[in-house]
Amino acid sequence: MSTGALVALTAVSAGMSIVQGIQQHSANTEAGIAYMRQAQIARNENDLAIQQKRREIDKVAAQQVMAMAKNGMDTGRGTPLEILHETAVLGQQEIDMLRLQGNAQVSYYQSLGKQQFNNGRNALLGGFTDALTTVATTAMSAKAAGLKMGGGTTKAANVSWGTTASGSSVGTSSTATLFGGVKTNVYAPLSSGIS
């Protein structure tokens, strides 16, 4: 396999890892948003259930007061007052239980949403990490196989030295191989170290 083909294949593979990470991040973000919306719906439904329960309790208490008043009982003291107090206490216990259940459901959906957001972030980071791993592994394998992946410079062959019209010294070479195997003429001052 040529060096160019290896570089292209590595770039495609690394790019696919990044694209997959982005796609997974997007899907997990959408799922996280859906869970957060579900948490808000659960919160609204719980608030509504609590309001309905309060109305029921108030209605029962009002019916108790009316029934006691019809029978000529004083609802401001004694047994009638205890009955109304017990109705209020039991009603509040039911409201507290509804609130706890609602909060548990909201927390459940919020934790699922956060988990999806974390999964998305991890997928995105994983895609970039996989891409870097692919590039590094390919570069190490190519180096072990003796392939040159570019980036290095070589010494010029057949160098002749001369001077420019301004009098500065330069060297030229028609066979210098520079970055990535590209051959070019090199002009450099004598102090550049090309030999």
N, C-alpha and C. Protein backbone atom coordinates (compact mmCIF):
# COMPACT_ATOMS: atom_id res chain seq x y z
N MET A 1 0.86 -1.17 0.00
CA MET A 1 0.00 0.00 0.00
C MET A 1 0.90 1.23 0.00
N SER A 2 0.58 2.19 -0.84
CA SER A 2 1.39 3.40 -0.92
C SER A 2 1.16 4.28 0.31
N THR A 3 2.11 5.16 0.52
CA THR A 3 2.01 6.06 1.66
C THR A 3 0.78 6.95 1.55
N GLY A 4 0.51 7.45 0.35
CA GLY A 4 -0.66 8.30 0.13
C GLY A 4 -1.96 7.59 0.45
N ALA A 5 -2.05 6.33 0.01
CA ALA A 5 -3.26 5.54 0.28
C ALA A 5 -3.40 5.28 1.78
N LEU A 6 -2.28 5.02 2.44
CA LEU A 6 -2.32 4.77 3.88
C LEU A 6 -2.76 6.03 4.63
N VAL A 7 -2.25 7.17 4.21
CA VAL A 7 -2.64 8.44 4.84
C VAL A 7 -4.13 8.69 4.61
N ALA A 8 -4.60 8.46 3.38
CA ALA A 8 -6.02 8.68 3.06
C ALA A 8 -6.91 7.75 3.88
N LEU A 9 -6.53 6.48 3.95
CA LEU A 9 -7.32 5.50 4.71
C LEU A 9 -7.35 5.87 6.20
N THR A 10 -6.22 6.31 6.71
CA THR A 10 -6.15 6.73 8.11
C THR A 10 -7.05 7.95 8.36
N ALA A 11 -7.02 8.90 7.43
CA ALA A 11 -7.86 10.10 7.57
C ALA A 11 -9.34 9.74 7.54
N VAL A 12 -9.72 8.84 6.64
CA VAL A 12 -11.12 8.42 6.56
C VAL A 12 -11.55 7.71 7.84
N SER A 13 -10.71 6.81 8.32
CA SER A 13 -11.02 6.07 9.54
C SER A 13 -11.13 7.00 10.74
N ALA A 14 -10.19 7.93 10.86
CA ALA A 14 -10.23 8.89 11.97
C ALA A 14 -11.46 9.79 11.84
N GLY A 15 -11.76 10.21 10.63
CA GLY A 15 -12.94 11.05 10.40
C GLY A 15 -14.22 10.33 10.77
N MET A 16 -14.32 9.07 10.43
CA MET A 16 -15.51 8.29 10.77
C MET A 16 -15.68 8.16 12.29
N SER A 17 -14.58 8.01 13.00
CA SER A 17 -14.66 7.95 14.46
C SER A 17 -15.22 9.25 15.02
N ILE A 18 -14.76 10.35 14.47
CA ILE A 18 -15.26 11.66 14.93
C ILE A 18 -16.73 11.82 14.59
N VAL A 19 -17.11 11.45 13.37
CA VAL A 19 -18.51 11.57 12.94
C VAL A 19 -19.42 10.71 13.82
N GLN A 20 -19.01 9.48 14.11
CA GLN A 20 -19.80 8.60 14.97
C GLN A 20 -19.95 9.20 16.37
N GLY A 21 -18.87 9.77 16.89
CA GLY A 21 -18.94 10.41 18.20
C GLY A 21 -19.92 11.58 18.20
N ILE A 22 -19.90 12.37 17.12
CA ILE A 22 -20.82 13.51 17.01
C ILE A 22 -22.25 13.03 16.91
N GLN A 23 -22.49 11.98 16.12
CA GLN A 23 -23.85 11.45 15.98
C GLN A 23 -24.37 10.89 17.29
N GLN A 24 -23.54 10.15 18.01
CA GLN A 24 -23.96 9.60 19.30
C GLN A 24 -24.21 10.73 20.30
N HIS A 25 -23.38 11.75 20.27
CA HIS A 25 -23.57 12.91 21.15
C HIS A 25 -24.92 13.56 20.86
N SER A 26 -25.23 13.73 19.59
CA SER A 26 -26.50 14.35 19.21
C SER A 26 -27.69 13.52 19.67
N ALA A 27 -27.62 12.20 19.43
CA ALA A 27 -28.73 11.32 19.83
C ALA A 27 -28.91 11.31 21.35
N ASN A 28 -27.82 11.25 22.08
CA ASN A 28 -27.90 11.25 23.54
C ASN A 28 -28.40 12.59 24.08
N THR A 29 -28.01 13.68 23.42
CA THR A 29 -28.49 14.99 23.84
C THR A 29 -30.00 15.09 23.64
N GLU A 30 -30.49 14.60 22.50
CA GLU A 30 -31.94 14.61 22.25
C GLU A 30 -32.67 13.77 23.30
N ALA A 31 -32.13 12.61 23.62
CA ALA A 31 -32.75 11.75 24.65
C ALA A 31 -32.72 12.46 26.01
N GLY A 32 -31.61 13.12 26.32
CA GLY A 32 -31.51 13.85 27.58
C GLY A 32 -32.53 14.97 27.68
N ILE A 33 -32.72 15.69 26.58
CA ILE A 33 -33.72 16.76 26.55
C ILE A 33 -35.12 16.19 26.74
N ALA A 34 -35.39 15.04 26.09
CA ALA A 34 -36.70 14.40 26.23
C ALA A 34 -36.96 13.99 27.68
N TYR A 35 -35.95 13.45 28.36
CA TYR A 35 -36.12 13.08 29.76
C TYR A 35 -36.34 14.31 30.64
N MET A 36 -35.65 15.40 30.35
CA MET A 36 -35.85 16.62 31.13
C MET A 36 -37.26 17.18 30.93
N ARG A 37 -37.76 17.06 29.70
CA ARG A 37 -39.15 17.48 29.45
C ARG A 37 -40.12 16.59 30.21
N GLN A 38 -39.83 15.29 30.23
CA GLN A 38 -40.68 14.35 30.96
C GLN A 38 -40.66 14.68 32.46
N ALA A 39 -39.51 15.08 32.96
CA ALA A 39 -39.42 15.48 34.37
C ALA A 39 -40.30 16.69 34.64
N GLN A 40 -40.32 17.64 33.72
CA GLN A 40 -41.16 18.83 33.90
C GLN A 40 -42.64 18.46 33.83
N ILE A 41 -42.99 17.55 32.93
CA ILE A 41 -44.38 17.07 32.85
C ILE A 41 -44.78 16.40 34.15
N ALA A 42 -43.89 15.55 34.68
CA ALA A 42 -44.17 14.86 35.95
C ALA A 42 -44.35 15.88 37.07
N ARG A 43 -43.53 16.92 37.09
CA ARG A 43 -43.65 17.97 38.11
C ARG A 43 -45.01 18.66 38.00
N ASN A 44 -45.41 19.01 36.78
CA ASN A 44 -46.70 19.69 36.57
C ASN A 44 -47.88 18.78 36.98
N GLU A 45 -47.79 17.49 36.60
CA GLU A 45 -48.86 16.55 36.96
C GLU A 45 -48.95 16.39 38.47
N ASN A 46 -47.80 16.36 39.13
CA ASN A 46 -47.78 16.22 40.58
C ASN A 46 -48.37 17.45 41.26
N ASP A 47 -48.02 18.63 40.77
CA ASP A 47 -48.60 19.86 41.32
C ASP A 47 -50.12 19.86 41.17
N LEU A 48 -50.60 19.41 40.02
CA LEU A 48 -52.05 19.34 39.77
C LEU A 48 -52.72 18.34 40.73
N ALA A 49 -52.09 17.17 40.92
CA ALA A 49 -52.64 16.15 41.82
C ALA A 49 -52.72 16.68 43.26
N ILE A 50 -51.70 17.43 43.67
CA ILE A 50 -51.70 18.01 45.01
C ILE A 50 -52.82 19.03 45.15
N GLN A 51 -53.01 19.89 44.16
CA GLN A 51 -54.09 20.88 44.20
C GLN A 51 -55.46 20.20 44.29
N GLN A 52 -55.63 19.12 43.50
CA GLN A 52 -56.90 18.40 43.53
C GLN A 52 -57.13 17.77 44.90
N LYS A 53 -56.08 17.19 45.48
CA LYS A 53 -56.20 16.58 46.81
C LYS A 53 -56.56 17.64 47.85
N ARG A 54 -55.97 18.82 47.77
CA ARG A 54 -56.31 19.90 48.71
C ARG A 54 -57.79 20.29 48.60
N ARG A 55 -58.27 20.38 47.35
CA ARG A 55 -59.69 20.71 47.15
C ARG A 55 -60.59 19.63 47.74
N GLU A 56 -60.20 18.36 47.57
CA GLU A 56 -60.98 17.26 48.13
C GLU A 56 -61.02 17.36 49.66
N ILE A 57 -59.89 17.62 50.27
CA ILE A 57 -59.81 17.73 51.73
C ILE A 57 -60.66 18.89 52.23
N ASP A 58 -60.54 20.04 51.54
CA ASP A 58 -61.35 21.20 51.92
C ASP A 58 -62.84 20.89 51.78
N LYS A 59 -63.19 20.15 50.74
CA LYS A 59 -64.60 19.81 50.52
C LYS A 59 -65.12 18.89 51.63
N VAL A 60 -64.31 17.88 51.99
CA VAL A 60 -64.70 16.96 53.07
C VAL A 60 -64.84 17.73 54.38
N ALA A 61 -63.90 18.62 54.68
CA ALA A 61 -63.97 19.41 55.93
C ALA A 61 -65.21 20.29 55.93
N ALA A 62 -65.52 20.90 54.79
CA ALA A 62 -66.71 21.76 54.72
C ALA A 62 -67.98 20.93 54.92
N GLN A 63 -68.02 19.73 54.35
CA GLN A 63 -69.18 18.85 54.52
C GLN A 63 -69.32 18.44 55.99
N GLN A 64 -68.20 18.18 56.66
CA GLN A 64 -68.23 17.81 58.07
C GLN A 64 -68.77 18.97 58.92
N VAL A 65 -68.31 20.19 58.62
CA VAL A 65 -68.77 21.36 59.37
C VAL A 65 -70.27 21.53 59.17
N MET A 66 -70.74 21.40 57.93
CA MET A 66 -72.17 21.57 57.66
C MET A 66 -73.00 20.51 58.36
N ALA A 67 -72.52 19.27 58.35
CA ALA A 67 -73.26 18.19 59.01
C ALA A 67 -73.32 18.41 60.51
N MET A 68 -72.22 18.85 61.10
CA MET A 68 -72.20 19.11 62.53
C MET A 68 -73.10 20.29 62.89
N ALA A 69 -73.05 21.34 62.06
CA ALA A 69 -73.88 22.52 62.31
C ALA A 69 -75.36 22.17 62.22
N LYS A 70 -75.75 21.29 61.29
CA LYS A 70 -77.15 20.86 61.16
C LYS A 70 -77.63 20.17 62.43
N ASN A 71 -76.69 19.48 63.06
CA ASN A 71 -77.02 18.76 64.29
C ASN A 71 -76.85 19.62 65.54
N GLY A 72 -76.56 20.90 65.34
CA GLY A 72 -76.45 21.82 66.46
C GLY A 72 -75.17 21.70 67.24
N MET A 73 -74.14 21.14 66.65
CA MET A 73 -72.85 20.97 67.35
C MET A 73 -71.98 22.20 67.13
N ASP A 74 -71.23 22.55 68.13
CA ASP A 74 -70.27 23.65 68.05
C ASP A 74 -68.97 23.08 67.48
N THR A 75 -68.58 23.56 66.28
CA THR A 75 -67.38 23.01 65.62
C THR A 75 -66.10 23.68 66.10
N GLY A 76 -66.20 24.65 67.01
CA GLY A 76 -65.03 25.38 67.49
C GLY A 76 -64.36 24.74 68.67
N ARG A 77 -64.92 23.66 69.21
CA ARG A 77 -64.29 23.03 70.37
C ARG A 77 -64.77 21.59 70.51
N GLY A 78 -64.07 20.85 71.34
CA GLY A 78 -64.45 19.48 71.65
C GLY A 78 -64.27 18.52 70.49
N THR A 79 -65.12 17.48 70.49
CA THR A 79 -65.03 16.40 69.50
C THR A 79 -65.13 16.91 68.07
N PRO A 80 -66.06 17.80 67.72
CA PRO A 80 -66.12 18.29 66.34
C PRO A 80 -64.81 18.92 65.87
N LEU A 81 -64.18 19.68 66.76
CA LEU A 81 -62.90 20.30 66.41
C LEU A 81 -61.83 19.24 66.20
N GLU A 82 -61.84 18.20 67.02
CA GLU A 82 -60.88 17.10 66.87
C GLU A 82 -61.08 16.38 65.54
N ILE A 83 -62.34 16.18 65.15
CA ILE A 83 -62.63 15.52 63.88
C ILE A 83 -62.10 16.36 62.71
N LEU A 84 -62.34 17.66 62.76
CA LEU A 84 -61.83 18.53 61.69
C LEU A 84 -60.30 18.55 61.66
N HIS A 85 -59.70 18.55 62.85
CA HIS A 85 -58.24 18.52 62.93
C HIS A 85 -57.71 17.22 62.34
N GLU A 86 -58.34 16.10 62.66
CA GLU A 86 -57.90 14.80 62.13
C GLU A 86 -58.05 14.78 60.61
N THR A 87 -59.12 15.34 60.09
CA THR A 87 -59.31 15.41 58.63
C THR A 87 -58.17 16.20 57.99
N ALA A 88 -57.81 17.32 58.62
CA ALA A 88 -56.73 18.15 58.08
C ALA A 88 -55.39 17.42 58.13
N VAL A 89 -55.12 16.72 59.26
CA VAL A 89 -53.84 16.00 59.41
C VAL A 89 -53.75 14.87 58.40
N LEU A 90 -54.81 14.06 58.28
CA LEU A 90 -54.79 12.95 57.32
C LEU A 90 -54.66 13.48 55.88
N GLY A 91 -55.35 14.56 55.61
CA GLY A 91 -55.25 15.17 54.28
C GLY A 91 -53.84 15.64 53.98
N GLN A 92 -53.21 16.26 54.97
CA GLN A 92 -51.84 16.74 54.77
C GLN A 92 -50.88 15.56 54.56
N GLN A 93 -51.11 14.45 55.26
CA GLN A 93 -50.28 13.26 55.05
C GLN A 93 -50.40 12.76 53.62
N GLU A 94 -51.61 12.76 53.08
CA GLU A 94 -51.82 12.34 51.69
C GLU A 94 -51.11 13.29 50.73
N ILE A 95 -51.18 14.57 51.01
CA ILE A 95 -50.50 15.56 50.16
C ILE A 95 -48.99 15.37 50.22
N ASP A 96 -48.46 15.14 51.42
CA ASP A 96 -47.02 14.91 51.57
C ASP A 96 -46.59 13.67 50.80
N MET A 97 -47.41 12.61 50.84
CA MET A 97 -47.09 11.38 50.12
C MET A 97 -47.10 11.63 48.61
N LEU A 98 -48.08 12.38 48.13
CA LEU A 98 -48.13 12.72 46.71
C LEU A 98 -46.89 13.52 46.30
N ARG A 99 -46.50 14.46 47.15
CA ARG A 99 -45.33 15.28 46.85
C ARG A 99 -44.07 14.42 46.78
N LEU A 100 -43.91 13.50 47.73
CA LEU A 100 -42.74 12.61 47.72
C LEU A 100 -42.70 11.74 46.46
N GLN A 101 -43.86 11.19 46.11
CA GLN A 101 -43.93 10.36 44.90
C GLN A 101 -43.59 11.19 43.66
N GLY A 102 -44.14 12.40 43.61
CA GLY A 102 -43.86 13.28 42.47
C GLY A 102 -42.39 13.65 42.39
N ASN A 103 -41.79 14.01 43.53
CA ASN A 103 -40.37 14.36 43.54
C ASN A 103 -39.50 13.19 43.13
N ALA A 104 -39.89 11.97 43.55
CA ALA A 104 -39.13 10.78 43.16
C ALA A 104 -39.19 10.57 41.66
N GLN A 105 -40.36 10.77 41.08
CA GLN A 105 -40.51 10.59 39.64
C GLN A 105 -39.72 11.66 38.88
N VAL A 106 -39.79 12.89 39.33
CA VAL A 106 -39.04 13.98 38.70
C VAL A 106 -37.54 13.69 38.79
N SER A 107 -37.07 13.28 39.95
CA SER A 107 -35.65 12.97 40.13
C SER A 107 -35.21 11.83 39.23
N TYR A 108 -36.08 10.84 39.06
CA TYR A 108 -35.77 9.70 38.19
C TYR A 108 -35.56 10.17 36.75
N TYR A 109 -36.47 10.98 36.24
CA TYR A 109 -36.34 11.47 34.86
C TYR A 109 -35.14 12.41 34.71
N GLN A 110 -34.89 13.22 35.73
CA GLN A 110 -33.73 14.11 35.66
C GLN A 110 -32.42 13.32 35.66
N SER A 111 -32.35 12.25 36.46
CA SER A 111 -31.12 11.45 36.47
C SER A 111 -30.93 10.73 35.14
N LEU A 112 -32.04 10.27 34.53
CA LEU A 112 -31.92 9.66 33.19
C LEU A 112 -31.44 10.69 32.18
N GLY A 113 -31.96 11.90 32.27
CA GLY A 113 -31.54 12.97 31.37
C GLY A 113 -30.06 13.29 31.53
N LYS A 114 -29.61 13.42 32.77
CA LYS A 114 -28.19 13.71 33.02
C LYS A 114 -27.31 12.58 32.53
N GLN A 115 -27.78 11.35 32.71
CA GLN A 115 -27.02 10.19 32.23
C GLN A 115 -26.88 10.25 30.71
N GLN A 116 -27.94 10.62 30.01
CA GLN A 116 -27.87 10.73 28.55
C GLN A 116 -26.90 11.85 28.14
N PHE A 117 -26.95 12.98 28.84
CA PHE A 117 -26.01 14.07 28.52
C PHE A 117 -24.57 13.61 28.73
N ASN A 118 -24.32 12.88 29.83
CA ASN A 118 -22.97 12.37 30.10
C ASN A 118 -22.55 11.35 29.04
N ASN A 119 -23.47 10.46 28.65
CA ASN A 119 -23.17 9.48 27.61
C ASN A 119 -22.82 10.18 26.30
N GLY A 120 -23.55 11.24 25.99
CA GLY A 120 -23.28 12.00 24.77
C GLY A 120 -21.91 12.65 24.80
N ARG A 121 -21.58 13.27 25.94
CA ARG A 121 -20.26 13.90 26.07
C ARG A 121 -19.15 12.84 25.95
N ASN A 122 -19.36 11.69 26.60
CA ASN A 122 -18.36 10.62 26.53
C ASN A 122 -18.21 10.08 25.12
N ALA A 123 -19.32 9.97 24.38
CA ALA A 123 -19.27 9.49 23.00
C ALA A 123 -18.49 10.47 22.13
N LEU A 124 -18.72 11.76 22.35
CA LEU A 124 -18.02 12.78 21.56
C LEU A 124 -16.52 12.73 21.84
N LEU A 125 -16.17 12.70 23.13
CA LEU A 125 -14.75 12.60 23.49
C LEU A 125 -14.14 11.29 22.99
N GLY A 126 -14.92 10.22 23.09
CA GLY A 126 -14.44 8.92 22.61
C GLY A 126 -14.17 8.92 21.12
N GLY A 127 -15.02 9.61 20.35
CA GLY A 127 -14.80 9.71 18.91
C GLY A 127 -13.48 10.38 18.59
N PHE A 128 -13.19 11.48 19.28
CA PHE A 128 -11.92 12.18 19.05
C PHE A 128 -10.74 11.34 19.53
N THR A 129 -10.92 10.66 20.65
CA THR A 129 -9.84 9.80 21.17
C THR A 129 -9.58 8.64 20.21
N ASP A 130 -10.64 8.03 19.70
CA ASP A 130 -10.47 6.94 18.72
C ASP A 130 -9.75 7.44 17.47
N ALA A 131 -10.08 8.66 17.03
CA ALA A 131 -9.43 9.22 15.85
C ALA A 131 -7.93 9.41 16.10
N LEU A 132 -7.59 9.96 17.26
CA LEU A 132 -6.17 10.15 17.58
C LEU A 132 -5.45 8.81 17.70
N THR A 133 -6.12 7.83 18.30
CA THR A 133 -5.53 6.50 18.43
C THR A 133 -5.28 5.89 17.07
N THR A 134 -6.24 6.04 16.16
CA THR A 134 -6.09 5.50 14.80
C THR A 134 -4.89 6.13 14.10
N VAL A 135 -4.76 7.44 14.21
CA VAL A 135 -3.64 8.13 13.56
C VAL A 135 -2.32 7.69 14.18
N ALA A 136 -2.25 7.63 15.50
CA ALA A 136 -1.01 7.24 16.17
C ALA A 136 -0.64 5.80 15.86
N THR A 137 -1.60 4.90 15.87
CA THR A 137 -1.34 3.49 15.59
C THR A 137 -0.86 3.30 14.17
N THR A 138 -1.50 3.98 13.23
CA THR A 138 -1.10 3.87 11.83
C THR A 138 0.30 4.42 11.62
N ALA A 139 0.60 5.55 12.25
CA ALA A 139 1.93 6.14 12.12
C ALA A 139 3.00 5.22 12.68
N MET A 140 2.71 4.60 13.83
CA MET A 140 3.69 3.68 14.43
C MET A 140 3.86 2.42 13.58
N SER A 141 2.75 1.92 13.04
CA SER A 141 2.83 0.74 12.18
C SER A 141 3.59 1.05 10.90
N ALA A 142 3.35 2.23 10.33
CA ALA A 142 4.04 2.62 9.11
C ALA A 142 5.53 2.79 9.36
N LYS A 143 5.87 3.38 10.49
CA LYS A 143 7.28 3.56 10.83
C LYS A 143 7.96 2.20 11.00
N ALA A 144 7.26 1.27 11.68
CA ALA A 144 7.82 -0.07 11.88
C ALA A 144 7.99 -0.80 10.55
N ALA A 145 7.11 -0.51 9.57
CA ALA A 145 7.20 -1.15 8.26
C ALA A 145 8.18 -0.43 7.35
N GLY A 146 8.74 0.69 7.81
CA GLY A 146 9.72 1.41 7.02
C GLY A 146 9.12 2.43 6.07
N LEU A 147 7.82 2.69 6.19
CA LEU A 147 7.18 3.70 5.34
C LEU A 147 7.45 5.07 5.93
N LYS A 148 7.57 6.05 5.03
CA LYS A 148 7.80 7.41 5.47
C LYS A 148 6.48 8.15 5.37
N MET A 149 6.00 8.68 6.49
CA MET A 149 4.71 9.36 6.53
C MET A 149 4.85 10.85 6.26
N GLY A 150 6.02 11.37 5.95
CA GLY A 150 6.19 12.78 5.64
C GLY A 150 6.50 13.58 6.88
N GLY A 151 6.85 14.82 6.64
CA GLY A 151 7.13 15.71 7.75
C GLY A 151 8.61 15.90 8.00
N GLY A 152 9.46 15.00 7.51
CA GLY A 152 10.89 15.12 7.74
C GLY A 152 11.56 15.80 6.56
N THR A 153 12.79 16.22 6.75
CA THR A 153 13.58 16.78 5.66
C THR A 153 14.79 15.90 5.48
N THR A 154 15.34 15.95 4.28
CA THR A 154 16.55 15.19 4.01
C THR A 154 17.63 16.14 3.54
N LYS A 155 18.85 15.70 3.57
CA LYS A 155 19.95 16.53 3.09
C LYS A 155 19.91 16.56 1.58
N ALA A 156 20.29 17.68 1.05
CA ALA A 156 20.30 17.84 -0.40
C ALA A 156 21.53 17.15 -0.98
N ALA A 157 21.36 16.60 -2.17
CA ALA A 157 22.48 15.99 -2.90
C ALA A 157 22.89 16.92 -4.02
N ASN A 158 24.10 16.78 -4.47
CA ASN A 158 24.62 17.58 -5.59
C ASN A 158 24.49 19.08 -5.34
N VAL A 159 24.98 19.53 -4.20
CA VAL A 159 24.86 20.94 -3.84
C VAL A 159 26.00 21.72 -4.48
N SER A 160 25.67 22.85 -5.07
CA SER A 160 26.71 23.75 -5.57
C SER A 160 26.47 25.09 -4.90
N TRP A 161 27.54 25.76 -4.57
CA TRP A 161 27.42 27.03 -3.86
C TRP A 161 27.78 28.17 -4.77
N GLY A 162 27.11 29.27 -4.57
CA GLY A 162 27.38 30.44 -5.38
C GLY A 162 26.97 31.69 -4.64
N THR A 163 26.93 32.80 -5.36
CA THR A 163 26.52 34.06 -4.76
C THR A 163 25.41 34.67 -5.59
N THR A 164 24.56 35.44 -4.94
CA THR A 164 23.48 36.14 -5.63
C THR A 164 23.99 37.46 -6.14
N ALA A 165 23.16 38.18 -6.88
CA ALA A 165 23.54 39.48 -7.42
C ALA A 165 23.88 40.45 -6.31
N SER A 166 23.27 40.27 -5.14
CA SER A 166 23.55 41.17 -4.03
C SER A 166 24.81 40.77 -3.28
N GLY A 167 25.38 39.60 -3.64
CA GLY A 167 26.62 39.19 -3.02
C GLY A 167 26.46 38.20 -1.89
N SER A 168 25.20 37.79 -1.52
CA SER A 168 25.06 36.83 -0.44
C SER A 168 25.27 35.43 -0.98
N SER A 169 25.80 34.54 -0.13
CA SER A 169 26.10 33.18 -0.55
C SER A 169 24.87 32.32 -0.42
N VAL A 170 24.61 31.48 -1.43
CA VAL A 170 23.48 30.56 -1.42
C VAL A 170 23.92 29.22 -1.95
N GLY A 171 23.12 28.20 -1.62
CA GLY A 171 23.36 26.88 -2.17
C GLY A 171 22.12 26.43 -2.91
N THR A 172 22.28 25.62 -3.93
CA THR A 172 21.13 25.11 -4.68
C THR A 172 21.25 23.61 -4.82
N SER A 173 20.11 22.99 -4.99
CA SER A 173 20.11 21.56 -5.22
C SER A 173 18.87 21.22 -6.02
N SER A 174 18.99 20.40 -7.03
CA SER A 174 17.83 19.99 -7.81
C SER A 174 17.27 18.68 -7.31
N THR A 175 17.87 18.06 -6.29
CA THR A 175 17.40 16.77 -5.83
C THR A 175 17.02 16.76 -4.35
N ALA A 176 16.82 17.92 -3.77
CA ALA A 176 16.46 17.95 -2.35
C ALA A 176 15.04 17.40 -2.17
N THR A 177 14.86 16.48 -1.23
CA THR A 177 13.54 15.93 -0.93
C THR A 177 13.08 16.54 0.38
N LEU A 178 11.97 17.24 0.30
CA LEU A 178 11.46 17.88 1.50
C LEU A 178 10.21 17.17 1.96
N PHE A 179 9.31 17.91 2.58
CA PHE A 179 8.12 17.37 3.24
C PHE A 179 7.33 16.42 2.34
N GLY A 180 7.03 15.24 2.87
CA GLY A 180 6.13 14.29 2.22
C GLY A 180 6.64 13.75 0.91
N GLY A 181 7.93 13.74 0.67
CA GLY A 181 8.45 13.14 -0.54
C GLY A 181 8.44 14.08 -1.74
N VAL A 182 8.12 15.37 -1.56
CA VAL A 182 8.10 16.33 -2.67
C VAL A 182 9.53 16.78 -2.94
N LYS A 183 9.94 16.72 -4.23
CA LYS A 183 11.29 17.17 -4.60
C LYS A 183 11.22 18.62 -5.02
N THR A 184 12.22 19.38 -4.59
CA THR A 184 12.21 20.80 -4.90
C THR A 184 13.63 21.34 -4.93
N ASN A 185 13.81 22.51 -5.55
CA ASN A 185 15.10 23.22 -5.47
C ASN A 185 15.14 23.95 -4.15
N VAL A 186 16.29 23.96 -3.54
CA VAL A 186 16.45 24.62 -2.24
C VAL A 186 17.46 25.74 -2.39
N TYR A 187 17.12 26.91 -1.92
CA TYR A 187 18.03 28.05 -1.87
C TYR A 187 18.17 28.44 -0.40
N ALA A 188 19.36 28.41 0.10
CA ALA A 188 19.55 28.72 1.51
C ALA A 188 20.86 29.42 1.72
N PRO A 189 20.96 30.29 2.72
CA PRO A 189 22.25 30.91 3.05
C PRO A 189 23.24 29.85 3.50
N LEU A 190 24.50 30.14 3.38
CA LEU A 190 25.52 29.17 3.78
C LEU A 190 25.40 28.77 5.24
N SER A 191 24.91 29.67 6.06
CA SER A 191 24.81 29.38 7.49
C SER A 191 23.64 28.47 7.81
N SER A 192 22.84 28.05 6.82
CA SER A 192 21.66 27.26 7.12
C SER A 192 21.98 25.84 7.52
N GLY A 193 23.14 25.34 7.20
CA GLY A 193 23.50 23.98 7.58
C GLY A 193 23.22 22.95 6.51
N ILE A 194 22.73 23.33 5.35
CA ILE A 194 22.51 22.34 4.29
C ILE A 194 23.88 21.98 3.73
N SER A 195 24.14 20.69 3.60
CA SER A 195 25.45 20.27 3.08
C SER A 195 25.25 19.17 2.06
